[in-house]
All heavy atoms as atom14 arrays in JSON, in Angstrom:
{
  "sequence": "VFCSPDTASALQLSLNDSSTNQNLTNPDSSVPSRIEPITSDKDIFDYL",
  "atom14_mask": [
    [1, 1, 1, 1, 1, 1, 1, 0, 0, 0, 0, 0, 0, 0],
    [1, 1, 1, 1, 1, 1, 1, 1, 1, 1, 1, 0, 0, 0],
    [1, 1, 1, 1, 1, 1, 0, 0, 0, 0, 0, 0, 0, 0],
    [1, 1, 1, 1, 1, 1, 0, 0, 0, 0, 0, 0, 0, 0],
    [1, 1, 1, 1, 1, 1, 1, 0, 0, 0, 0, 0, 0, 0],
    [1, 1, 1, 1, 1, 1, 1, 1, 0, 0, 0, 0, 0, 0],
    [1, 1, 1, 1, 1, 1, 1, 0, 0, 0, 0, 0, 0, 0],
    [1, 1, 1, 1, 1, 0, 0, 0, 0, 0, 0, 0, 0, 0],
    [1, 1, 1, 1, 1, 1, 0, 0, 0, 0, 0, 0, 0, 0],
    [1, 1, 1, 1, 1, 0, 0, 0, 0, 0, 0, 0, 0, 0],
    [1, 1, 1, 1, 1, 1, 1, 1, 0, 0, 0, 0, 0, 0],
    [1, 1, 1, 1, 1, 1, 1, 1, 1, 0, 0, 0, 0, 0],
    [1, 1, 1, 1, 1, 1, 1, 1, 0, 0, 0, 0, 0, 0],
    [1, 1, 1, 1, 1, 1, 0, 0, 0, 0, 0, 0, 0, 0],
    [1, 1, 1, 1, 1, 1, 1, 1, 0, 0, 0, 0, 0, 0],
    [1, 1, 1, 1, 1, 1, 1, 1, 0, 0, 0, 0, 0, 0],
    [1, 1, 1, 1, 1, 1, 1, 1, 0, 0, 0, 0, 0, 0],
    [1, 1, 1, 1, 1, 1, 0, 0, 0, 0, 0, 0, 0, 0],
    [1, 1, 1, 1, 1, 1, 0, 0, 0, 0, 0, 0, 0, 0],
    [1, 1, 1, 1, 1, 1, 1, 0, 0, 0, 0, 0, 0, 0],
    [1, 1, 1, 1, 1, 1, 1, 1, 0, 0, 0, 0, 0, 0],
    [1, 1, 1, 1, 1, 1, 1, 1, 1, 0, 0, 0, 0, 0],
    [1, 1, 1, 1, 1, 1, 1, 1, 0, 0, 0, 0, 0, 0],
    [1, 1, 1, 1, 1, 1, 1, 1, 0, 0, 0, 0, 0, 0],
    [1, 1, 1, 1, 1, 1, 1, 0, 0, 0, 0, 0, 0, 0],
    [1, 1, 1, 1, 1, 1, 1, 1, 0, 0, 0, 0, 0, 0],
    [1, 1, 1, 1, 1, 1, 1, 0, 0, 0, 0, 0, 0, 0],
    [1, 1, 1, 1, 1, 1, 1, 1, 0, 0, 0, 0, 0, 0],
    [1, 1, 1, 1, 1, 1, 0, 0, 0, 0, 0, 0, 0, 0],
    [1, 1, 1, 1, 1, 1, 0, 0, 0, 0, 0, 0, 0, 0],
    [1, 1, 1, 1, 1, 1, 1, 0, 0, 0, 0, 0, 0, 0],
    [1, 1, 1, 1, 1, 1, 1, 0, 0, 0, 0, 0, 0, 0],
    [1, 1, 1, 1, 1, 1, 0, 0, 0, 0, 0, 0, 0, 0],
    [1, 1, 1, 1, 1, 1, 1, 1, 1, 1, 1, 0, 0, 0],
    [1, 1, 1, 1, 1, 1, 1, 1, 0, 0, 0, 0, 0, 0],
    [1, 1, 1, 1, 1, 1, 1, 1, 1, 0, 0, 0, 0, 0],
    [1, 1, 1, 1, 1, 1, 1, 0, 0, 0, 0, 0, 0, 0],
    [1, 1, 1, 1, 1, 1, 1, 1, 0, 0, 0, 0, 0, 0],
    [1, 1, 1, 1, 1, 1, 1, 0, 0, 0, 0, 0, 0, 0],
    [1, 1, 1, 1, 1, 1, 0, 0, 0, 0, 0, 0, 0, 0],
    [1, 1, 1, 1, 1, 1, 1, 1, 0, 0, 0, 0, 0, 0],
    [1, 1, 1, 1, 1, 1, 1, 1, 1, 0, 0, 0, 0, 0],
    [1, 1, 1, 1, 1, 1, 1, 1, 0, 0, 0, 0, 0, 0],
    [1, 1, 1, 1, 1, 1, 1, 1, 0, 0, 0, 0, 0, 0],
    [1, 1, 1, 1, 1, 1, 1, 1, 1, 1, 1, 0, 0, 0],
    [1, 1, 1, 1, 1, 1, 1, 1, 0, 0, 0, 0, 0, 0],
    [1, 1, 1, 1, 1, 1, 1, 1, 1, 1, 1, 1, 0, 0],
    [1, 1, 1, 1, 1, 1, 1, 1, 0, 0, 0, 0, 0, 0]
  ],
  "atom14_positions": [
    [[2.42, -0.56, -5.14], [1.6, -1.55, -4.4], [0.13, -1.34, -4.88], [-0.39, -0.32, -4.58], [1.69, -1.51, -2.93], [0.82, -2.46, -2.24], [3.15, -1.61, -2.48], [0.0, 0.0, 0.0], [0.0, 0.0, 0.0], [0.0, 0.0, 0.0], [0.0, 0.0, 0.0], [0.0, 0.0, 0.0], [0.0, 0.0, 0.0], [0.0, 0.0, 0.0]],
    [[-0.44, -2.29, -5.64], [-1.79, -2.15, -6.03], [-2.73, -2.93, -5.1], [-2.43, -4.02, -4.65], [-1.97, -2.73, -7.46], [-1.15, -1.9, -8.5], [0.04, -2.37, -8.97], [-1.66, -0.65, -8.91], [0.74, -1.6, -9.85], [-0.93, 0.12, -9.87], [0.33, -0.42, -10.34], [0.0, 0.0, 0.0], [0.0, 0.0, 0.0], [0.0, 0.0, 0.0]],
    [[-3.89, -2.35, -4.82], [-4.87, -2.89, -3.91], [-6.19, -2.21, -4.06], [-6.26, -1.24, -4.82], [-4.4, -2.9, -2.46], [-4.07, -1.16, -1.87], [0.0, 0.0, 0.0], [0.0, 0.0, 0.0], [0.0, 0.0, 0.0], [0.0, 0.0, 0.0], [0.0, 0.0, 0.0], [0.0, 0.0, 0.0], [0.0, 0.0, 0.0], [0.0, 0.0, 0.0]],
    [[-7.2, -2.66, -3.38], [-8.51, -2.04, -3.47], [-8.44, -0.69, -2.66], [-7.56, -0.47, -1.81], [-9.55, -2.97, -2.89], [-9.5, -3.02, -1.49], [0.0, 0.0, 0.0], [0.0, 0.0, 0.0], [0.0, 0.0, 0.0], [0.0, 0.0, 0.0], [0.0, 0.0, 0.0], [0.0, 0.0, 0.0], [0.0, 0.0, 0.0], [0.0, 0.0, 0.0]],
    [[-9.38, 0.25, -2.88], [-9.39, 1.46, -2.07], [-9.55, 1.27, -0.56], [-8.82, 1.9, 0.18], [-10.58, 2.23, -2.62], [-10.74, 1.83, -4.08], [-10.39, 0.28, -3.96], [0.0, 0.0, 0.0], [0.0, 0.0, 0.0], [0.0, 0.0, 0.0], [0.0, 0.0, 0.0], [0.0, 0.0, 0.0], [0.0, 0.0, 0.0], [0.0, 0.0, 0.0]],
    [[-10.39, 0.24, -0.15], [-10.57, 0.0, 1.17], [-9.25, -0.57, 1.81], [-8.94, -0.34, 2.96], [-11.76, -0.78, 1.47], [-13.06, -0.04, 1.27], [-12.94, 1.26, 1.37], [-14.11, -0.61, 1.07], [0.0, 0.0, 0.0], [0.0, 0.0, 0.0], [0.0, 0.0, 0.0], [0.0, 0.0, 0.0], [0.0, 0.0, 0.0], [0.0, 0.0, 0.0]],
    [[-8.58, -1.47, 1.08], [-7.35, -2.04, 1.56], [-6.32, -0.93, 1.74], [-5.58, -0.9, 2.68], [-6.89, -3.16, 0.65], [-7.79, -4.23, 0.73], [-5.51, -3.65, 1.01], [0.0, 0.0, 0.0], [0.0, 0.0, 0.0], [0.0, 0.0, 0.0], [0.0, 0.0, 0.0], [0.0, 0.0, 0.0], [0.0, 0.0, 0.0], [0.0, 0.0, 0.0]],
    [[-6.28, 0.05, 0.71], [-5.35, 1.06, 0.75], [-5.56, 1.95, 2.06], [-4.64, 2.28, 2.72], [-5.47, 1.91, -0.49], [0.0, 0.0, 0.0], [0.0, 0.0, 0.0], [0.0, 0.0, 0.0], [0.0, 0.0, 0.0], [0.0, 0.0, 0.0], [0.0, 0.0, 0.0], [0.0, 0.0, 0.0], [0.0, 0.0, 0.0], [0.0, 0.0, 0.0]],
    [[-6.85, 2.25, 2.35], [-7.14, 3.05, 3.51], [-6.71, 2.34, 4.78], [-6.03, 2.89, 5.7], [-8.67, 3.33, 3.6], [-9.08, 4.15, 2.57], [0.0, 0.0, 0.0], [0.0, 0.0, 0.0], [0.0, 0.0, 0.0], [0.0, 0.0, 0.0], [0.0, 0.0, 0.0], [0.0, 0.0, 0.0], [0.0, 0.0, 0.0], [0.0, 0.0, 0.0]],
    [[-7.09, 1.03, 4.91], [-6.67, 0.26, 6.08], [-5.13, 0.11, 6.22], [-4.51, 0.24, 7.23], [-7.3, -1.14, 6.07], [0.0, 0.0, 0.0], [0.0, 0.0, 0.0], [0.0, 0.0, 0.0], [0.0, 0.0, 0.0], [0.0, 0.0, 0.0], [0.0, 0.0, 0.0], [0.0, 0.0, 0.0], [0.0, 0.0, 0.0], [0.0, 0.0, 0.0]],
    [[-4.51, -0.04, 5.07], [-3.03, -0.19, 5.02], [-2.35, 1.13, 5.47], [-1.37, 1.07, 6.19], [-2.6, -0.58, 3.61], [-1.08, -0.88, 3.49], [-0.64, -2.01, 4.41], [-0.84, -1.29, 2.0], [0.0, 0.0, 0.0], [0.0, 0.0, 0.0], [0.0, 0.0, 0.0], [0.0, 0.0, 0.0], [0.0, 0.0, 0.0], [0.0, 0.0, 0.0]],
    [[-2.9, 2.27, 4.99], [-2.32, 3.53, 5.42], [-2.36, 3.72, 6.94], [-1.35, 4.05, 7.52], [-3.05, 4.73, 4.71], [-2.94, 4.8, 3.24], [-1.63, 5.36, 2.79], [-0.65, 5.71, 3.53], [-1.5, 5.44, 1.44], [0.0, 0.0, 0.0], [0.0, 0.0, 0.0], [0.0, 0.0, 0.0], [0.0, 0.0, 0.0], [0.0, 0.0, 0.0]],
    [[-3.52, 3.33, 7.52], [-3.63, 3.47, 8.92], [-2.67, 2.51, 9.65], [-2.02, 2.83, 10.66], [-5.0, 3.19, 9.36], [-6.12, 4.23, 9.02], [-7.53, 3.68, 9.31], [-5.87, 5.48, 9.77], [0.0, 0.0, 0.0], [0.0, 0.0, 0.0], [0.0, 0.0, 0.0], [0.0, 0.0, 0.0], [0.0, 0.0, 0.0], [0.0, 0.0, 0.0]],
    [[-2.6, 1.24, 9.13], [-1.83, 0.21, 9.74], [-0.33, 0.63, 9.67], [0.4, 0.4, 10.67], [-2.04, -1.14, 9.15], [-3.33, -1.59, 9.34], [0.0, 0.0, 0.0], [0.0, 0.0, 0.0], [0.0, 0.0, 0.0], [0.0, 0.0, 0.0], [0.0, 0.0, 0.0], [0.0, 0.0, 0.0], [0.0, 0.0, 0.0], [0.0, 0.0, 0.0]],
    [[0.1, 1.07, 8.52], [1.48, 1.37, 8.35], [1.97, 2.57, 9.23], [3.07, 2.6, 9.8], [1.91, 1.61, 6.96], [1.8, 0.49, 6.01], [2.0, 0.91, 4.53], [2.89, -0.45, 6.38], [0.0, 0.0, 0.0], [0.0, 0.0, 0.0], [0.0, 0.0, 0.0], [0.0, 0.0, 0.0], [0.0, 0.0, 0.0], [0.0, 0.0, 0.0]],
    [[1.06, 3.58, 9.39], [1.34, 4.7, 10.28], [1.5, 4.25, 11.69], [2.45, 4.7, 12.38], [0.34, 5.72, 10.17], [0.39, 6.49, 8.81], [1.4, 6.51, 8.19], [-0.72, 7.1, 8.42], [0.0, 0.0, 0.0], [0.0, 0.0, 0.0], [0.0, 0.0, 0.0], [0.0, 0.0, 0.0], [0.0, 0.0, 0.0], [0.0, 0.0, 0.0]],
    [[0.71, 3.35, 12.17], [0.8, 2.74, 13.49], [1.86, 1.7, 13.63], [2.59, 1.72, 14.54], [-0.6, 2.17, 13.87], [-0.53, 1.71, 15.28], [-0.1, 2.39, 16.26], [-0.97, 0.48, 15.51], [0.0, 0.0, 0.0], [0.0, 0.0, 0.0], [0.0, 0.0, 0.0], [0.0, 0.0, 0.0], [0.0, 0.0, 0.0], [0.0, 0.0, 0.0]],
    [[1.88, 0.78, 12.6], [2.78, -0.36, 12.72], [4.26, -0.06, 12.79], [5.04, -0.76, 13.4], [2.46, -1.33, 11.56], [1.27, -1.72, 11.59], [0.0, 0.0, 0.0], [0.0, 0.0, 0.0], [0.0, 0.0, 0.0], [0.0, 0.0, 0.0], [0.0, 0.0, 0.0], [0.0, 0.0, 0.0], [0.0, 0.0, 0.0], [0.0, 0.0, 0.0]],
    [[4.67, 1.04, 12.01], [6.12, 1.32, 12.04], [6.66, 1.63, 13.32], [7.87, 1.47, 13.57], [6.42, 2.45, 10.98], [5.8, 3.59, 11.46], [0.0, 0.0, 0.0], [0.0, 0.0, 0.0], [0.0, 0.0, 0.0], [0.0, 0.0, 0.0], [0.0, 0.0, 0.0], [0.0, 0.0, 0.0], [0.0, 0.0, 0.0], [0.0, 0.0, 0.0]],
    [[5.83, 2.09, 14.27], [6.3, 2.38, 15.62], [5.92, 1.39, 16.64], [6.6, 1.22, 17.6], [5.77, 3.78, 16.09], [4.35, 3.82, 16.09], [6.38, 4.85, 15.26], [0.0, 0.0, 0.0], [0.0, 0.0, 0.0], [0.0, 0.0, 0.0], [0.0, 0.0, 0.0], [0.0, 0.0, 0.0], [0.0, 0.0, 0.0], [0.0, 0.0, 0.0]],
    [[4.77, 0.69, 16.36], [4.15, -0.11, 17.46], [4.2, -1.65, 17.18], [4.12, -2.45, 18.07], [2.73, 0.22, 17.74], [2.61, 1.67, 18.28], [3.46, 2.14, 19.0], [1.55, 2.34, 17.9], [0.0, 0.0, 0.0], [0.0, 0.0, 0.0], [0.0, 0.0, 0.0], [0.0, 0.0, 0.0], [0.0, 0.0, 0.0], [0.0, 0.0, 0.0]],
    [[4.37, -2.09, 15.91], [4.33, -3.53, 15.65], [5.61, -4.05, 15.12], [5.67, -5.2, 14.63], [3.24, -3.75, 14.68], [1.86, -3.49, 15.27], [0.8, -3.96, 14.2], [0.96, -4.81, 13.38], [-0.41, -3.39, 14.32], [0.0, 0.0, 0.0], [0.0, 0.0, 0.0], [0.0, 0.0, 0.0], [0.0, 0.0, 0.0], [0.0, 0.0, 0.0]],
    [[6.69, -3.3, 15.06], [7.98, -3.82, 14.68], [7.93, -4.46, 13.28], [8.39, -5.64, 13.16], [8.57, -4.79, 15.75], [8.86, -4.14, 17.02], [9.27, -2.96, 17.05], [8.52, -4.82, 18.14], [0.0, 0.0, 0.0], [0.0, 0.0, 0.0], [0.0, 0.0, 0.0], [0.0, 0.0, 0.0], [0.0, 0.0, 0.0], [0.0, 0.0, 0.0]],
    [[7.44, -3.74, 12.24], [7.48, -4.28, 10.94], [8.83, -4.55, 10.53], [9.84, -3.96, 10.97], [6.82, -3.28, 10.01], [5.35, -3.09, 10.14], [4.86, -2.11, 9.17], [4.6, -4.36, 9.86], [0.0, 0.0, 0.0], [0.0, 0.0, 0.0], [0.0, 0.0, 0.0], [0.0, 0.0, 0.0], [0.0, 0.0, 0.0], [0.0, 0.0, 0.0]],
    [[9.08, -5.43, 9.52], [10.37, -5.79, 8.99], [10.84, -4.62, 8.2], [10.27, -4.25, 7.19], [10.24, -7.04, 8.12], [9.62, -8.05, 8.81], [11.6, -7.53, 7.61], [0.0, 0.0, 0.0], [0.0, 0.0, 0.0], [0.0, 0.0, 0.0], [0.0, 0.0, 0.0], [0.0, 0.0, 0.0], [0.0, 0.0, 0.0], [0.0, 0.0, 0.0]],
    [[11.94, -4.01, 8.61], [12.54, -2.89, 7.91], [11.5, -1.77, 7.46], [11.24, -1.61, 6.27], [13.28, -3.36, 6.67], [14.41, -4.25, 7.04], [15.06, -4.02, 8.09], [14.72, -5.2, 6.2], [0.0, 0.0, 0.0], [0.0, 0.0, 0.0], [0.0, 0.0, 0.0], [0.0, 0.0, 0.0], [0.0, 0.0, 0.0], [0.0, 0.0, 0.0]],
    [[10.81, -1.17, 8.43], [9.77, -0.22, 8.0], [10.38, 0.86, 7.13], [11.5, 1.24, 7.31], [9.3, 0.34, 9.3], [10.21, -0.09, 10.37], [11.02, -1.22, 9.86], [0.0, 0.0, 0.0], [0.0, 0.0, 0.0], [0.0, 0.0, 0.0], [0.0, 0.0, 0.0], [0.0, 0.0, 0.0], [0.0, 0.0, 0.0], [0.0, 0.0, 0.0]],
    [[9.63, 1.38, 6.2], [10.08, 2.3, 5.22], [9.05, 3.39, 5.02], [7.91, 3.07, 4.64], [10.38, 1.64, 3.87], [10.89, 2.57, 2.74], [10.73, 3.77, 2.92], [11.34, 2.02, 1.78], [0.0, 0.0, 0.0], [0.0, 0.0, 0.0], [0.0, 0.0, 0.0], [0.0, 0.0, 0.0], [0.0, 0.0, 0.0], [0.0, 0.0, 0.0]],
    [[9.33, 4.6, 5.31], [8.34, 5.7, 5.31], [7.84, 5.96, 3.87], [6.84, 6.67, 3.73], [8.9, 6.98, 5.9], [10.03, 7.4, 5.09], [0.0, 0.0, 0.0], [0.0, 0.0, 0.0], [0.0, 0.0, 0.0], [0.0, 0.0, 0.0], [0.0, 0.0, 0.0], [0.0, 0.0, 0.0], [0.0, 0.0, 0.0], [0.0, 0.0, 0.0]],
    [[8.5, 5.44, 2.85], [8.0, 5.68, 1.44], [6.9, 4.78, 1.05], [6.31, 4.95, -0.04], [9.21, 5.62, 0.4], [9.55, 4.3, 0.2], [0.0, 0.0, 0.0], [0.0, 0.0, 0.0], [0.0, 0.0, 0.0], [0.0, 0.0, 0.0], [0.0, 0.0, 0.0], [0.0, 0.0, 0.0], [0.0, 0.0, 0.0], [0.0, 0.0, 0.0]],
    [[6.65, 3.7, 1.75], [5.65, 2.7, 1.33], [4.26, 3.33, 1.18], [3.67, 3.11, 0.14], [5.59, 1.52, 2.36], [4.41, 0.61, 2.08], [6.88, 0.73, 2.31], [0.0, 0.0, 0.0], [0.0, 0.0, 0.0], [0.0, 0.0, 0.0], [0.0, 0.0, 0.0], [0.0, 0.0, 0.0], [0.0, 0.0, 0.0], [0.0, 0.0, 0.0]],
    [[3.76, 4.06, 2.11], [2.44, 4.73, 1.92], [2.28, 5.47, 0.59], [1.25, 5.42, -0.13], [2.28, 5.58, 3.06], [3.01, 4.97, 4.17], [4.27, 4.43, 3.47], [0.0, 0.0, 0.0], [0.0, 0.0, 0.0], [0.0, 0.0, 0.0], [0.0, 0.0, 0.0], [0.0, 0.0, 0.0], [0.0, 0.0, 0.0], [0.0, 0.0, 0.0]],
    [[3.34, 6.17, 0.12], [3.32, 7.0, -1.07], [3.27, 6.1, -2.32], [2.97, 6.58, -3.44], [4.49, 7.94, -1.13], [5.68, 7.24, -1.35], [0.0, 0.0, 0.0], [0.0, 0.0, 0.0], [0.0, 0.0, 0.0], [0.0, 0.0, 0.0], [0.0, 0.0, 0.0], [0.0, 0.0, 0.0], [0.0, 0.0, 0.0], [0.0, 0.0, 0.0]],
    [[3.58, 4.88, -2.21], [3.63, 3.93, -3.36], [2.37, 3.06, -3.47], [2.25, 2.3, -4.44], [4.77, 3.12, -3.35], [6.16, 3.81, -3.38], [7.27, 2.88, -3.63], [8.55, 3.42, -3.06], [9.62, 2.68, -3.04], [9.61, 1.49, -3.52], [10.7, 3.3, -2.57], [0.0, 0.0, 0.0], [0.0, 0.0, 0.0], [0.0, 0.0, 0.0]],
    [[1.36, 3.24, -2.63], [0.12, 2.52, -2.63], [-0.78, 3.16, -3.71], [-1.03, 4.38, -3.66], [-0.53, 2.49, -1.24], [0.38, 1.8, -0.27], [-1.88, 1.79, -1.32], [-0.07, 1.97, 1.17], [0.0, 0.0, 0.0], [0.0, 0.0, 0.0], [0.0, 0.0, 0.0], [0.0, 0.0, 0.0], [0.0, 0.0, 0.0], [0.0, 0.0, 0.0]],
    [[-1.27, 2.32, -4.6], [-2.11, 2.82, -5.57], [-3.42, 2.0, -5.68], [-3.44, 0.83, -6.13], [-1.51, 2.69, -7.0], [-2.35, 3.4, -8.08], [-1.68, 3.45, -9.41], [-0.48, 3.69, -9.49], [-2.38, 3.37, -10.48], [0.0, 0.0, 0.0], [0.0, 0.0, 0.0], [0.0, 0.0, 0.0], [0.0, 0.0, 0.0], [0.0, 0.0, 0.0]],
    [[-4.5, 2.57, -5.03], [-5.79, 1.81, -5.09], [-6.41, 1.76, -6.53], [-6.37, 2.79, -7.27], [-6.71, 2.59, -4.16], [-6.02, 3.91, -4.03], [-4.65, 3.82, -4.48], [0.0, 0.0, 0.0], [0.0, 0.0, 0.0], [0.0, 0.0, 0.0], [0.0, 0.0, 0.0], [0.0, 0.0, 0.0], [0.0, 0.0, 0.0], [0.0, 0.0, 0.0]],
    [[-6.94, 0.62, -6.9], [-7.64, 0.47, -8.19], [-8.86, -0.26, -8.01], [-9.05, -1.11, -7.07], [-6.7, -0.22, -9.23], [-6.35, -1.67, -8.82], [-5.49, 0.6, -9.46], [-5.65, -2.41, -10.0], [0.0, 0.0, 0.0], [0.0, 0.0, 0.0], [0.0, 0.0, 0.0], [0.0, 0.0, 0.0], [0.0, 0.0, 0.0], [0.0, 0.0, 0.0]],
    [[-9.82, -0.02, -8.91], [-11.13, -0.67, -8.92], [-11.52, -1.51, -10.12], [-12.44, -2.22, -10.18], [-12.25, 0.29, -8.58], [-12.23, 1.27, -9.65], [-12.16, 0.94, -7.27], [0.0, 0.0, 0.0], [0.0, 0.0, 0.0], [0.0, 0.0, 0.0], [0.0, 0.0, 0.0], [0.0, 0.0, 0.0], [0.0, 0.0, 0.0], [0.0, 0.0, 0.0]],
    [[-10.64, -1.31, -11.14], [-10.9, -1.94, -12.41], [-9.59, -2.31, -13.02], [-8.45, -2.12, -12.5], [-11.77, -1.18, -13.27], [-11.18, 0.07, -13.57], [0.0, 0.0, 0.0], [0.0, 0.0, 0.0], [0.0, 0.0, 0.0], [0.0, 0.0, 0.0], [0.0, 0.0, 0.0], [0.0, 0.0, 0.0], [0.0, 0.0, 0.0], [0.0, 0.0, 0.0]],
    [[-9.58, -2.72, -14.32], [-8.39, -3.14, -15.08], [-7.3, -2.1, -14.99], [-7.63, -0.91, -15.08], [-8.71, -3.36, -16.57], [-9.7, -4.56, -16.81], [-10.08, -5.21, -15.81], [-10.03, -4.71, -17.91], [0.0, 0.0, 0.0], [0.0, 0.0, 0.0], [0.0, 0.0, 0.0], [0.0, 0.0, 0.0], [0.0, 0.0, 0.0], [0.0, 0.0, 0.0]],
    [[-6.1, -2.59, -14.87], [-4.94, -1.71, -14.89], [-3.85, -2.31, -15.63], [-3.43, -3.46, -15.42], [-4.44, -1.45, -13.42], [-3.17, -0.65, -13.25], [-3.34, 0.77, -13.4], [-2.07, 1.51, -13.08], [-2.17, 2.85, -13.39], [0.0, 0.0, 0.0], [0.0, 0.0, 0.0], [0.0, 0.0, 0.0], [0.0, 0.0, 0.0], [0.0, 0.0, 0.0]],
    [[-3.4, -1.62, -16.68], [-2.26, -2.04, -17.51], [-0.95, -1.79, -16.75], [-0.62, -0.67, -16.44], [-2.23, -1.36, -18.86], [-3.36, -1.78, -19.72], [-3.9, -2.88, -19.57], [-3.76, -0.99, -20.61], [0.0, 0.0, 0.0], [0.0, 0.0, 0.0], [0.0, 0.0, 0.0], [0.0, 0.0, 0.0], [0.0, 0.0, 0.0], [0.0, 0.0, 0.0]],
    [[-0.19, -2.86, -16.48], [1.16, -2.7, -15.86], [2.15, -2.51, -16.98], [3.07, -1.7, -16.84], [1.49, -3.91, -14.97], [0.37, -4.19, -13.92], [2.85, -3.76, -14.35], [0.19, -2.93, -12.99], [0.0, 0.0, 0.0], [0.0, 0.0, 0.0], [0.0, 0.0, 0.0], [0.0, 0.0, 0.0], [0.0, 0.0, 0.0], [0.0, 0.0, 0.0]],
    [[2.08, -3.27, -18.02], [2.88, -3.19, -19.21], [1.86, -3.34, -20.34], [0.73, -3.72, -20.16], [3.94, -4.3, -19.24], [4.95, -4.25, -18.15], [4.95, -5.26, -17.23], [5.85, -3.25, -18.03], [5.88, -5.27, -16.17], [6.77, -3.22, -17.07], [6.79, -4.21, -16.06], [0.0, 0.0, 0.0], [0.0, 0.0, 0.0], [0.0, 0.0, 0.0]],
    [[2.3, -3.12, -21.63], [1.46, -3.37, -22.76], [1.06, -4.84, -22.91], [-0.04, -5.14, -23.53], [1.94, -2.76, -24.03], [3.26, -3.39, -24.45], [3.85, -4.29, -23.68], [3.81, -3.11, -25.53], [0.0, 0.0, 0.0], [0.0, 0.0, 0.0], [0.0, 0.0, 0.0], [0.0, 0.0, 0.0], [0.0, 0.0, 0.0], [0.0, 0.0, 0.0]],
    [[1.72, -5.75, -22.24], [1.37, -7.13, -22.39], [0.84, -7.75, -21.02], [0.61, -8.98, -20.9], [2.64, -7.9, -22.78], [3.75, -7.78, -21.82], [3.96, -8.63, -20.71], [4.72, -6.77, -22.02], [4.99, -8.46, -19.85], [5.82, -6.63, -21.21], [5.89, -7.44, -20.03], [6.94, -7.33, -19.2], [0.0, 0.0, 0.0], [0.0, 0.0, 0.0]],
    [[0.6, -6.95, -20.01], [0.13, -7.44, -18.72], [-0.91, -6.46, -18.12], [-0.58, -5.32, -17.94], [1.38, -7.61, -17.78], [1.02, -8.35, -16.49], [2.09, -9.36, -16.21], [0.8, -7.4, -15.37], [0.0, 0.0, 0.0], [0.0, 0.0, 0.0], [0.0, 0.0, 0.0], [0.0, 0.0, 0.0], [0.0, 0.0, 0.0], [0.0, 0.0, 0.0]]
  ]
}
């Protein structure tokens, strides 16, 4: 999951709280570890 650093911080807080308090759709504890904040170009593939 790519996002800005500030979105990553807010998301980490929200996911930690939301999985118990906001009934997220199929909460998954691995989501926070897959968040990658970026601030500039990022190659996903050599063509993208």
